C-alpha atoms as a PDB file:
ATOM      1  CA  MET A   1      64.783 -62.436  19.091  1.00  0.00           C
ATOM      2  CA  ALA A   2      67.177 -59.457  18.960  1.00  0.00           C
ATOM      3  CA  HIS A   3      68.343 -58.351  15.516  1.00  0.00           C
ATOM      4  CA  LYS A   4      72.072 -57.981  14.800  1.00  0.00           C
ATOM      5  CA  ALA A   5      73.652 -55.824  12.113  1.00  0.00           C
ATOM      6  CA  GLY A   6      77.089 -54.448  11.392  1.00  0.00           C
ATOM      7  CA  PHE A   7      79.929 -53.683   9.017  1.00  0.00           C
ATOM      8  CA  VAL A   8      82.557 -56.368   8.502  1.00  0.00           C
ATOM      9  CA  ASN A   9      85.515 -54.994   6.570  1.00  0.00           C
ATOM     10  CA  ILE A  10      88.167 -57.134   4.866  1.00  0.00           C
ATOM     11  CA  ILE A  11      91.671 -55.735   4.491  1.00  0.00           C
ATOM     12  CA  GLY A  12      95.049 -57.180   3.500  1.00  0.00           C
ATOM     13  CA  ASN A  13      97.835 -57.140   0.933  1.00  0.00           C
ATOM     14  CA  PRO A  14      97.041 -57.600  -2.781  1.00  0.00           C
ATOM     15  CA  ASN A  15      96.096 -61.096  -3.901  1.00  0.00           C
ATOM     16  CA  VAL A  16      95.582 -62.742  -0.521  1.00  0.00           C
ATOM     17  CA  GLY A  17      92.022 -63.871  -1.350  1.00  0.00           C
ATOM     18  CA  LYS A  18      89.836 -61.029  -0.010  1.00  0.00           C
ATOM     19  CA  SER A  19      87.482 -61.039  -2.996  1.00  0.00           C
ATOM     20  CA  THR A  20      87.220 -64.852  -2.990  1.00  0.00           C
ATOM     21  CA  LEU A  21      86.181 -64.767   0.677  1.00  0.00           C
ATOM     22  CA  MET A  22      83.674 -61.957   0.153  1.00  0.00           C
ATOM     23  CA  ASN A  23      82.036 -63.821  -2.748  1.00  0.00           C
ATOM     24  CA  ALA A  24      81.976 -67.051  -0.696  1.00  0.00           C
ATOM     25  CA  PHE A  25      80.155 -65.256   2.146  1.00  0.00           C
ATOM     26  CA  VAL A  26      77.667 -63.481  -0.115  1.00  0.00           C
ATOM     27  CA  GLY A  27      77.078 -66.435  -2.434  1.00  0.00           C
ATOM     28  CA  GLU A  28      77.320 -64.140  -5.479  1.00  0.00           C
ATOM     29  CA  LYS A  29      80.216 -62.977  -7.608  1.00  0.00           C
ATOM     30  CA  LEU A  30      80.384 -59.314  -6.613  1.00  0.00           C
ATOM     31  CA  SER A  31      84.154 -58.810  -6.659  1.00  0.00           C
ATOM     32  CA  ILE A  32      86.545 -59.570  -9.502  1.00  0.00           C
ATOM     33  CA  ILE A  33      88.876 -62.485  -8.847  1.00  0.00           C
ATOM     34  CA  THR A  34      92.036 -62.871 -10.936  1.00  0.00           C
ATOM     35  CA  SER A  35      95.603 -63.898 -10.189  1.00  0.00           C
ATOM     36  CA  LYS A  36      96.794 -60.332 -10.826  1.00  0.00           C
ATOM     37  CA  ALA A  37      97.496 -57.895  -8.007  1.00  0.00           C
ATOM     38  CA  GLN A  38      95.395 -54.747  -7.501  1.00  0.00           C
ATOM     39  CA  THR A  39      92.333 -56.285  -9.120  1.00  0.00           C
ATOM     40  CA  THR A  40      89.910 -54.583  -6.712  1.00  0.00           C
ATOM     41  CA  ARG A  41      89.919 -50.798  -7.087  1.00  0.00           C
ATOM     42  CA  HIS A  42      86.829 -49.781  -5.141  1.00  0.00           C
ATOM     43  CA  ARG A  43      85.334 -50.606  -1.789  1.00  0.00           C
ATOM     44  CA  ILE A  44      82.516 -53.008  -2.627  1.00  0.00           C
ATOM     45  CA  LEU A  45      79.765 -53.910  -0.182  1.00  0.00           C
ATOM     46  CA  GLY A  46      78.122 -57.325  -0.170  1.00  0.00           C
ATOM     47  CA  ILE A  47      75.084 -57.697   2.061  1.00  0.00           C
ATOM     48  CA  VAL A  48      74.126 -61.011   3.666  1.00  0.00           C
ATOM     49  CA  ASN A  49      70.658 -61.077   5.213  1.00  0.00           C
ATOM     50  CA  GLY A  50      69.060 -63.518   7.653  1.00  0.00           C
ATOM     51  CA  ASP A  51      65.824 -63.283   9.654  1.00  0.00           C
ATOM     52  CA  ASP A  52      67.666 -61.908  12.671  1.00  0.00           C
ATOM     53  CA  PHE A  53      70.844 -60.426  11.159  1.00  0.00           C
ATOM     54  CA  GLN A  54      72.331 -58.285   8.415  1.00  0.00           C
ATOM     55  CA  MET A  55      76.053 -58.643   7.743  1.00  0.00           C
ATOM     56  CA  ILE A  56      77.490 -55.883   5.551  1.00  0.00           C
ATOM     57  CA  LEU A  57      80.771 -57.137   4.132  1.00  0.00           C
ATOM     58  CA  SER A  58      83.248 -54.818   2.546  1.00  0.00           C
ATOM     59  CA  ASP A  59      85.935 -55.878   0.080  1.00  0.00           C
ATOM     60  CA  THR A  60      88.765 -53.349  -0.242  1.00  0.00           C
ATOM     61  CA  PRO A  61      91.747 -52.859  -2.574  1.00  0.00           C
ATOM     62  CA  GLY A  62      94.968 -54.657  -1.588  1.00  0.00           C
ATOM     63  CA  ILE A  63      97.280 -52.473   0.494  1.00  0.00           C
ATOM     64  CA  ILE A  64     100.146 -50.941  -1.507  1.00  0.00           C
ATOM     65  CA  LYS A  65     102.413 -47.905  -1.445  1.00  0.00           C
ATOM     66  CA  PRO A  66     100.659 -45.591  -3.952  1.00  0.00           C
ATOM     67  CA  ALA A  67     102.609 -44.668  -7.092  1.00  0.00           C
ATOM     68  CA  TYR A  68      99.996 -42.445  -8.767  1.00  0.00           C
ATOM     69  CA  GLU A  69      96.710 -40.664  -8.026  1.00  0.00           C
ATOM     70  CA  LEU A  70      94.438 -43.664  -8.711  1.00  0.00           C
ATOM     71  CA  GLN A  71      96.346 -45.799  -6.187  1.00  0.00           C
ATOM     72  CA  THR A  72      96.147 -43.013  -3.587  1.00  0.00           C
ATOM     73  CA  SER A  73      92.386 -43.020  -4.036  1.00  0.00           C
ATOM     74  CA  MET A  74      92.336 -46.826  -3.702  1.00  0.00           C
ATOM     75  CA  MET A  75      94.157 -46.539  -0.364  1.00  0.00           C
ATOM     76  CA  ASP A  76      91.574 -43.954   0.778  1.00  0.00           C
ATOM     77  CA  PHE A  77      88.955 -46.701   0.395  1.00  0.00           C
ATOM     78  CA  VAL A  78      91.072 -48.883   2.720  1.00  0.00           C
ATOM     79  CA  LYS A  79      91.338 -46.052   5.288  1.00  0.00           C
ATOM     80  CA  SER A  80      87.556 -45.659   5.263  1.00  0.00           C
ATOM     81  CA  ALA A  81      87.228 -49.388   6.039  1.00  0.00           C
ATOM     82  CA  PHE A  82      88.839 -48.766   9.444  1.00  0.00           C
ATOM     83  CA  GLU A  83      86.422 -45.978  10.268  1.00  0.00           C
ATOM     84  CA  ASP A  84      83.076 -47.778  10.229  1.00  0.00           C
ATOM     85  CA  ALA A  85      83.991 -51.419  10.940  1.00  0.00           C
ATOM     86  CA  ASP A  86      82.245 -53.370  13.701  1.00  0.00           C
ATOM     87  CA  VAL A  87      84.470 -56.364  12.963  1.00  0.00           C
ATOM     88  CA  LEU A  88      87.765 -56.226  11.067  1.00  0.00           C
ATOM     89  CA  LEU A  89      88.944 -59.185   8.992  1.00  0.00           C
ATOM     90  CA  TYR A  90      92.683 -58.979   8.394  1.00  0.00           C
ATOM     91  CA  MET A  91      93.534 -61.477   5.696  1.00  0.00           C
ATOM     92  CA  VAL A  92      97.027 -62.886   5.181  1.00  0.00           C
ATOM     93  CA  GLU A  93      98.279 -65.865   3.216  1.00  0.00           C
ATOM     94  CA  ILE A  94     100.654 -68.635   4.212  1.00  0.00           C
ATOM     95  CA  GLY A  95     104.244 -67.347   4.049  1.00  0.00           C
ATOM     96  CA  GLU A  96     103.353 -63.704   4.494  1.00  0.00           C
ATOM     97  CA  LYS A  97     105.086 -61.788   7.286  1.00  0.00           C
ATOM     98  CA  ALA A  98     103.608 -58.270   7.378  1.00  0.00           C
ATOM     99  CA  LEU A  99     101.373 -55.682   5.721  1.00  0.00           C
ATOM    100  CA  LYS A 100     102.873 -53.645   2.862  1.00  0.00           C
ATOM    101  CA  ASP A 101     102.149 -50.432   4.768  1.00  0.00           C
ATOM    102  CA  GLU A 102     103.273 -50.053   8.384  1.00  0.00           C
ATOM    103  CA  THR A 103     100.663 -47.361   9.145  1.00  0.00           C
ATOM    104  CA  PHE A 104      97.792 -49.743   8.423  1.00  0.00           C
ATOM    105  CA  PHE A 105      99.445 -52.455  10.515  1.00  0.00           C
ATOM    106  CA  LYS A 106      99.677 -50.092  13.485  1.00  0.00           C
ATOM    107  CA  LYS A 107      95.932 -49.395  13.136  1.00  0.00           C
ATOM    108  CA  ILE A 108      95.189 -53.118  13.340  1.00  0.00           C
ATOM    109  CA  GLU A 109      97.537 -53.493  16.302  1.00  0.00           C
ATOM    110  CA  HIS A 110      95.711 -50.800  18.272  1.00  0.00           C
ATOM    111  CA  SER A 111      92.210 -51.618  17.065  1.00  0.00           C
ATOM    112  CA  GLN A 112      89.431 -51.213  19.632  1.00  0.00           C
ATOM    113  CA  ILE A 113      87.091 -53.497  17.669  1.00  0.00           C
ATOM    114  CA  PRO A 114      87.329 -57.303  17.250  1.00  0.00           C
ATOM    115  CA  VAL A 115      90.006 -58.360  14.752  1.00  0.00           C
ATOM    116  CA  LEU A 116      89.892 -61.791  13.101  1.00  0.00           C
ATOM    117  CA  LEU A 117      93.165 -62.666  11.435  1.00  0.00           C
ATOM    118  CA  LEU A 118      92.338 -65.077   8.598  1.00  0.00           C
ATOM    119  CA  LEU A 119      95.324 -67.165   7.558  1.00  0.00           C
ATOM    120  CA  ASN A 120      94.316 -68.049   4.006  1.00  0.00           C
ATOM    121  CA  LYS A 121      95.482 -70.607   1.405  1.00  0.00           C
ATOM    122  CA  ILE A 122      96.278 -73.256   4.025  1.00  0.00           C
ATOM    123  CA  ASP A 123      95.497 -75.880   1.347  1.00  0.00           C
ATOM    124  CA  THR A 124      98.921 -74.971  -0.143  1.00  0.00           C
ATOM    125  CA  SER A 125     100.760 -75.703   3.114  1.00  0.00           C
ATOM    126  CA  ASP A 126     101.556 -78.483   5.591  1.00  0.00           C
ATOM    127  CA  GLN A 127     100.826 -78.745   9.319  1.00  0.00           C
ATOM    128  CA  HIS A 128     104.339 -77.752  10.433  1.00  0.00           C
ATOM    129  CA  VAL A 129     104.385 -74.525   8.367  1.00  0.00           C
ATOM    130  CA  LEU A 130     100.822 -73.749   9.469  1.00  0.00           C
ATOM    131  CA  GLU A 131     101.732 -74.025  13.154  1.00  0.00           C
ATOM    132  CA  GLU A 132     104.779 -71.770  12.627  1.00  0.00           C
ATOM    133  CA  GLN A 133     102.615 -69.175  10.876  1.00  0.00           C
ATOM    134  CA  VAL A 134      99.939 -69.223  13.567  1.00  0.00           C
ATOM    135  CA  GLN A 135     102.622 -68.613  16.204  1.00  0.00           C
ATOM    136  CA  HIS A 136     104.199 -65.807  14.121  1.00  0.00           C
ATOM    137  CA  TRP A 137     100.892 -63.926  13.933  1.00  0.00           C
ATOM    138  CA  LYS A 138     100.025 -64.597  17.596  1.00  0.00           C
ATOM    139  CA  ASP A 139     103.288 -62.896  18.576  1.00  0.00           C
ATOM    140  CA  LEU A 140     102.724 -59.971  16.202  1.00  0.00           C
ATOM    141  CA  LEU A 141      99.035 -59.416  16.922  1.00  0.00           C
ATOM    142  CA  PRO A 142      98.085 -60.754  20.344  1.00  0.00           C
ATOM    143  CA  ASN A 143      94.760 -58.858  20.142  1.00  0.00           C
ATOM    144  CA  ALA A 144      93.587 -60.834  17.083  1.00  0.00           C
ATOM    145  CA  GLU A 145      91.713 -64.130  16.888  1.00  0.00           C
ATOM    146  CA  ILE A 146      93.483 -66.391  14.380  1.00  0.00           C
ATOM    147  CA  HIS A 147      91.483 -68.581  11.996  1.00  0.00           C
ATOM    148  CA  PRO A 148      93.246 -70.761   9.391  1.00  0.00           C
ATOM    149  CA  ILE A 149      91.053 -70.956   6.242  1.00  0.00           C
ATOM    150  CA  SER A 150      90.990 -71.741   2.544  1.00  0.00           C
ATOM    151  CA  ALA A 151      88.551 -69.318   0.896  1.00  0.00           C
ATOM    152  CA  LEU A 152      88.959 -71.090  -2.443  1.00  0.00           C
ATOM    153  CA  GLU A 153      88.245 -74.558  -1.027  1.00  0.00           C
ATOM    154  CA  ASN A 154      85.578 -73.194   1.366  1.00  0.00           C
ATOM    155  CA  PHE A 155      87.480 -74.641   4.337  1.00  0.00           C
ATOM    156  CA  ASN A 156      86.536 -73.071   7.706  1.00  0.00           C
ATOM    157  CA  VAL A 157      84.588 -70.321   5.897  1.00  0.00           C
ATOM    158  CA  LYS A 158      81.288 -71.192   7.616  1.00  0.00           C
ATOM    159  CA  GLU A 159      83.008 -71.283  11.025  1.00  0.00           C
ATOM    160  CA  VAL A 160      84.399 -67.766  10.448  1.00  0.00           C
ATOM    161  CA  PHE A 161      80.975 -66.565   9.262  1.00  0.00           C
ATOM    162  CA  ASP A 162      79.343 -67.929  12.438  1.00  0.00           C
ATOM    163  CA  ARG A 163      82.015 -66.292  14.607  1.00  0.00           C
ATOM    164  CA  ILE A 164      81.416 -62.920  12.907  1.00  0.00           C
ATOM    165  CA  LEU A 165      77.679 -63.298  13.605  1.00  0.00           C
ATOM    166  CA  GLU A 166      78.458 -63.769  17.299  1.00  0.00           C
ATOM    167  CA  LEU A 167      80.510 -60.549  17.286  1.00  0.00           C
ATOM    168  CA  LEU A 168      77.973 -58.351  15.470  1.00  0.00           C
ATOM    169  CA  PRO A 169      76.283 -55.718  17.642  1.00  0.00           C
ATOM    170  CA  GLU A 170      72.534 -55.619  18.170  1.00  0.00           C
ATOM    171  CA  ALA A 171      71.123 -53.165  15.624  1.00  0.00           C
ATOM    172  CA  PRO A 172      68.311 -52.822  13.090  1.00  0.00           C
ATOM    173  CA  PRO A 173      69.187 -53.480   9.407  1.00  0.00           C
ATOM    174  CA  TYR A 174      71.026 -50.659   7.617  1.00  0.00           C
ATOM    175  CA  TYR A 175      69.779 -51.668   4.149  1.00  0.00           C
ATOM    176  CA  PRO A 176      66.545 -53.179   2.783  1.00  0.00           C
ATOM    177  CA  LYS A 177      66.551 -56.939   3.414  1.00  0.00           C
ATOM    178  CA  ASP A 178      66.376 -57.825  -0.296  1.00  0.00           C
ATOM    179  CA  GLN A 179      69.442 -55.719  -1.182  1.00  0.00           C
ATOM    180  CA  LEU A 180      72.638 -57.557  -2.168  1.00  0.00           C
ATOM    181  CA  THR A 181      75.078 -54.666  -2.617  1.00  0.00           C
ATOM    182  CA  ASP A 182      75.373 -50.877  -2.558  1.00  0.00           C
ATOM    183  CA  LYS A 183      76.583 -50.695  -6.159  1.00  0.00           C
ATOM    184  CA  PRO A 184      74.374 -50.027  -9.221  1.00  0.00           C
ATOM    185  CA  GLU A 185      74.033 -52.491 -12.121  1.00  0.00           C
ATOM    186  CA  ARG A 186      76.369 -50.484 -14.361  1.00  0.00           C
ATOM    187  CA  PHE A 187      79.174 -50.945 -11.815  1.00  0.00           C
ATOM    188  CA  PHE A 188      79.008 -54.739 -12.252  1.00  0.00           C
ATOM    189  CA  VAL A 189      78.964 -54.388 -16.036  1.00  0.00           C
ATOM    190  CA  ASN A 190      82.131 -52.266 -15.832  1.00  0.00           C
ATOM    191  CA  GLU A 191      83.819 -54.690 -13.428  1.00  0.00           C
ATOM    192  CA  THR A 192      82.938 -57.758 -15.515  1.00  0.00           C
ATOM    193  CA  ILE A 193      84.462 -56.178 -18.644  1.00  0.00           C
ATOM    194  CA  ARG A 194      87.520 -55.092 -16.650  1.00  0.00           C
ATOM    195  CA  GLU A 195      87.946 -58.627 -15.312  1.00  0.00           C
ATOM    196  CA  LYS A 196      88.141 -60.011 -18.869  1.00  0.00           C
ATOM    197  CA  ILE A 197      90.776 -57.388 -19.717  1.00  0.00           C
ATOM    198  CA  LEU A 198      92.783 -58.388 -16.623  1.00  0.00           C
ATOM    199  CA  LEU A 199      92.620 -62.018 -17.737  1.00  0.00           C
ATOM    200  CA  HIS A 200      93.573 -61.545 -21.389  1.00  0.00           C
ATOM    201  CA  TYR A 201      96.032 -58.641 -21.564  1.00  0.00           C
ATOM    202  CA  LYS A 202      99.522 -58.442 -20.112  1.00  0.00           C
ATOM    203  CA  LYS A 203     101.845 -55.928 -18.460  1.00  0.00           C
ATOM    204  CA  GLU A 204     100.555 -52.401 -17.968  1.00  0.00           C
ATOM    205  CA  ILE A 205      97.432 -52.672 -20.183  1.00  0.00           C
ATOM    206  CA  PRO A 206      94.900 -53.836 -17.531  1.00  0.00           C
ATOM    207  CA  TYR A 207      96.079 -51.175 -15.080  1.00  0.00           C
ATOM    208  CA  SER A 208      95.707 -48.412 -17.687  1.00  0.00           C
ATOM    209  CA  VAL A 209      92.076 -49.327 -18.358  1.00  0.00           C
ATOM    210  CA  GLU A 210      88.843 -47.986 -16.925  1.00  0.00           C
ATOM    211  CA  VAL A 211      85.387 -48.993 -18.171  1.00  0.00           C
ATOM    212  CA  GLU A 212      82.348 -46.730 -18.353  1.00  0.00           C
ATOM    213  CA  THR A 213      78.877 -48.003 -19.253  1.00  0.00           C
ATOM    214  CA  GLU A 214      77.083 -45.271 -21.174  1.00  0.00           C
ATOM    215  CA  GLU A 215      73.880 -47.174 -21.831  1.00  0.00           C
ATOM    216  CA  PHE A 216      72.016 -49.812 -19.812  1.00  0.00           C
ATOM    217  CA  LEU A 217      68.537 -50.418 -21.187  1.00  0.00           C
ATOM    218  CA  GLU A 218      66.531 -53.222 -19.648  1.00  0.00           C
ATOM    219  CA  ASP A 219      63.504 -54.696 -21.424  1.00  0.00           C
ATOM    220  CA  GLU A 220      61.445 -57.646 -20.275  1.00  0.00           C
ATOM    221  CA  ASP A 221      63.592 -60.241 -22.033  1.00  0.00           C
ATOM    222  CA  ILE A 222      66.904 -58.474 -22.873  1.00  0.00           C
ATOM    223  CA  ILE A 223      69.376 -55.932 -21.482  1.00  0.00           C
ATOM    224  CA  ARG A 224      71.131 -53.725 -24.055  1.00  0.00           C
ATOM    225  CA  ILE A 225      74.497 -52.391 -22.928  1.00  0.00           C
ATOM    226  CA  ARG A 226      76.939 -49.947 -24.516  1.00  0.00           C
ATOM    227  CA  SER A 227      80.264 -49.599 -22.711  1.00  0.00           C
ATOM    228  CA  VAL A 228      83.431 -47.657 -23.411  1.00  0.00           C
ATOM    229  CA  ILE A 229      86.890 -48.980 -22.516  1.00  0.00           C
ATOM    230  CA  MET A 230      89.185 -46.049 -21.677  1.00  0.00           C
ATOM    231  CA  VAL A 231      92.939 -46.382 -22.218  1.00  0.00           C
ATOM    232  CA  GLU A 232      95.734 -43.871 -21.664  1.00  0.00           C
ATOM    233  CA  ARG A 233      97.577 -44.105 -25.014  1.00  0.00           C
ATOM    234  CA  ASP A 234      96.867 -44.739 -28.719  1.00  0.00           C
ATOM    235  CA  THR A 235      99.137 -47.810 -28.747  1.00  0.00           C
ATOM    236  CA  GLN A 236      97.037 -49.348 -25.955  1.00  0.00           C
ATOM    237  CA  LYS A 237      93.882 -48.793 -27.977  1.00  0.00           C
ATOM    238  CA  GLY A 238      95.312 -50.920 -30.802  1.00  0.00           C
ATOM    239  CA  ILE A 239      96.283 -53.704 -28.376  1.00  0.00           C
ATOM    240  CA  ILE A 240      92.822 -53.768 -26.759  1.00  0.00           C
ATOM    241  CA  ILE A 241      91.098 -53.993 -30.167  1.00  0.00           C
ATOM    242  CA  GLY A 242      93.527 -56.593 -31.564  1.00  0.00           C
ATOM    243  CA  HIS A 243      93.858 -57.883 -35.155  1.00  0.00           C
ATOM    244  CA  LYS A 244      90.615 -57.108 -37.013  1.00  0.00           C
ATOM    245  CA  GLY A 245      88.900 -56.541 -33.658  1.00  0.00           C
ATOM    246  CA  SER A 246      89.427 -60.132 -32.490  1.00  0.00           C
ATOM    247  CA  ALA A 247      90.725 -59.298 -28.985  1.00  0.00           C
ATOM    248  CA  LEU A 248      87.896 -56.857 -28.252  1.00  0.00           C
ATOM    249  CA  LYS A 249      85.344 -59.361 -29.561  1.00  0.00           C
ATOM    250  CA  ARG A 250      86.626 -62.024 -27.127  1.00  0.00           C
ATOM    251  CA  VAL A 251      86.248 -59.595 -24.198  1.00  0.00           C
ATOM    252  CA  GLY A 252      82.682 -58.816 -25.330  1.00  0.00           C
ATOM    253  CA  VAL A 253      81.649 -62.465 -25.731  1.00  0.00           C
ATOM    254  CA  GLU A 254      83.053 -63.533 -22.337  1.00  0.00           C
ATOM    255  CA  ALA A 255      81.614 -60.510 -20.517  1.00  0.00           C
ATOM    256  CA  ARG A 256      78.193 -61.120 -22.099  1.00  0.00           C
ATOM    257  CA  LYS A 257      78.143 -64.750 -20.882  1.00  0.00           C
ATOM    258  CA  ASP A 258      78.986 -63.719 -17.302  1.00  0.00           C
ATOM    259  CA  LEU A 259      76.468 -60.867 -17.303  1.00  0.00           C
ATOM    260  CA  GLU A 260      73.701 -63.154 -18.576  1.00  0.00           C
ATOM    261  CA  LYS A 261      74.355 -65.386 -15.551  1.00  0.00           C
ATOM    262  CA  PHE A 262      74.517 -62.400 -13.186  1.00  0.00           C
ATOM    263  CA  PHE A 263      71.289 -60.751 -14.425  1.00  0.00           C
ATOM    264  CA  ASP A 264      69.582 -64.040 -15.401  1.00  0.00           C
ATOM    265  CA  LYS A 265      68.540 -62.470 -18.693  1.00  0.00           C
ATOM    266  CA  GLN A 266      69.718 -62.205 -22.303  1.00  0.00           C
ATOM    267  CA  VAL A 267      72.346 -59.484 -22.783  1.00  0.00           C
ATOM    268  CA  HIS A 268      73.414 -57.602 -25.906  1.00  0.00           C
ATOM    269  CA  ILE A 269      76.688 -55.721 -25.428  1.00  0.00           C
ATOM    270  CA  GLU A 270      78.550 -53.214 -27.614  1.00  0.00           C
ATOM    271  CA  LEU A 271      82.114 -52.239 -26.720  1.00  0.00           C
ATOM    272  CA  TYR A 272      84.091 -49.214 -27.872  1.00  0.00           C
ATOM    273  CA  VAL A 273      87.646 -48.118 -27.066  1.00  0.00           C
ATOM    274  CA  LYS A 274      88.634 -44.487 -26.435  1.00  0.00           C
ATOM    275  CA  VAL A 275      91.895 -42.800 -25.463  1.00  0.00           C
ATOM    276  CA  ASN A 276      91.627 -40.738 -22.269  1.00  0.00           C
ATOM    277  CA  LYS A 277      95.185 -39.505 -21.725  1.00  0.00           C
ATOM    278  CA  ASN A 278      96.656 -39.968 -18.218  1.00  0.00           C
ATOM    279  CA  TRP A 279      93.252 -40.478 -16.565  1.00  0.00           C
ATOM    280  CA  ARG A 280      94.920 -42.303 -13.640  1.00  0.00           C
ATOM    281  CA  SER A 281      96.647 -39.077 -12.549  1.00  0.00           C
ATOM    282  CA  ASN A 282      93.774 -36.691 -13.287  1.00  0.00           C
ATOM    283  CA  ALA A 283      91.682 -35.839 -10.199  1.00  0.00           C
ATOM    284  CA  GLN A 284      88.700 -34.715 -12.279  1.00  0.00           C
ATOM    285  CA  GLN A 285      88.649 -37.943 -14.327  1.00  0.00           C
ATOM    286  CA  LEU A 286      89.067 -40.052 -11.176  1.00  0.00           C
ATOM    287  CA  ARG A 287      86.046 -38.385  -9.573  1.00  0.00           C
ATOM    288  CA  ARG A 288      84.057 -39.105 -12.722  1.00  0.00           C
ATOM    289  CA  PHE A 289      84.913 -42.815 -12.380  1.00  0.00           C
ATOM    290  CA  GLY A 290      83.922 -42.934  -8.696  1.00  0.00           C
ATOM    291  CA  TYR A 291      87.343 -42.463  -7.061  1.00  0.00           C
ATOM    292  CA  ASN A 292      88.534 -39.552  -4.900  1.00  0.00           C
ATOM    293  CA  GLY A 293      85.339 -39.349  -2.887  1.00  0.00           C
END
């Protein structure tokens, strides 16, 4: 039987459910999911392997108009998703009318590769609204196949997966068959800690934070981790730590529990907070954290 393999890239506005869909396809929590916009900062690959296929899924940051250097770099990840896709998944939610950036929309409109428009969160809608939305997108993007889904409720997710498989080109696998992602373990430690910060801190704090894991030592029965939470200002450092360290401790405890599930092993984690002034606008710092190429 011929082997199929290809890159399936998910794009869309912030918060439409891209990460939820990616995790549903892969069967592992690779991408952060929170109710806050701009949760995903990198392009994250999730690899699904079968005997006769390899589907390389790519979750990308939500499309925005960049306001500072970090966001520009995030949009570069989205641009790269157009360049190597074999199938493009354009994800919208019920009630949405267009992409936040016209340039990206034009690229979808003139795409030479198959485009599946996934109309997500249909569990929050009724039949009449759904039919209106399907018609709206048919008129806007006649070249796209439209699939109503609920990534959260797993509705129509398998059908979309099967359709993608049909569209994949014949090719040998690009990655070893036991590989789940292209990211190293430290990346998932950083993202898990960042997710807890997104969940527990308000306003600008989560967006001013970057996490760097300085130590990841794995023994037979335990992983010892030391990570640094970078903030942009001294006042933010105090907020992250909280009264007598209580806020930071909560982040550590919750991250440890998730990481123990992810690695299926006992985890010991130490967290520190450092001020790294204006890192979001500093090209050198952004490169260090894996942005800007």
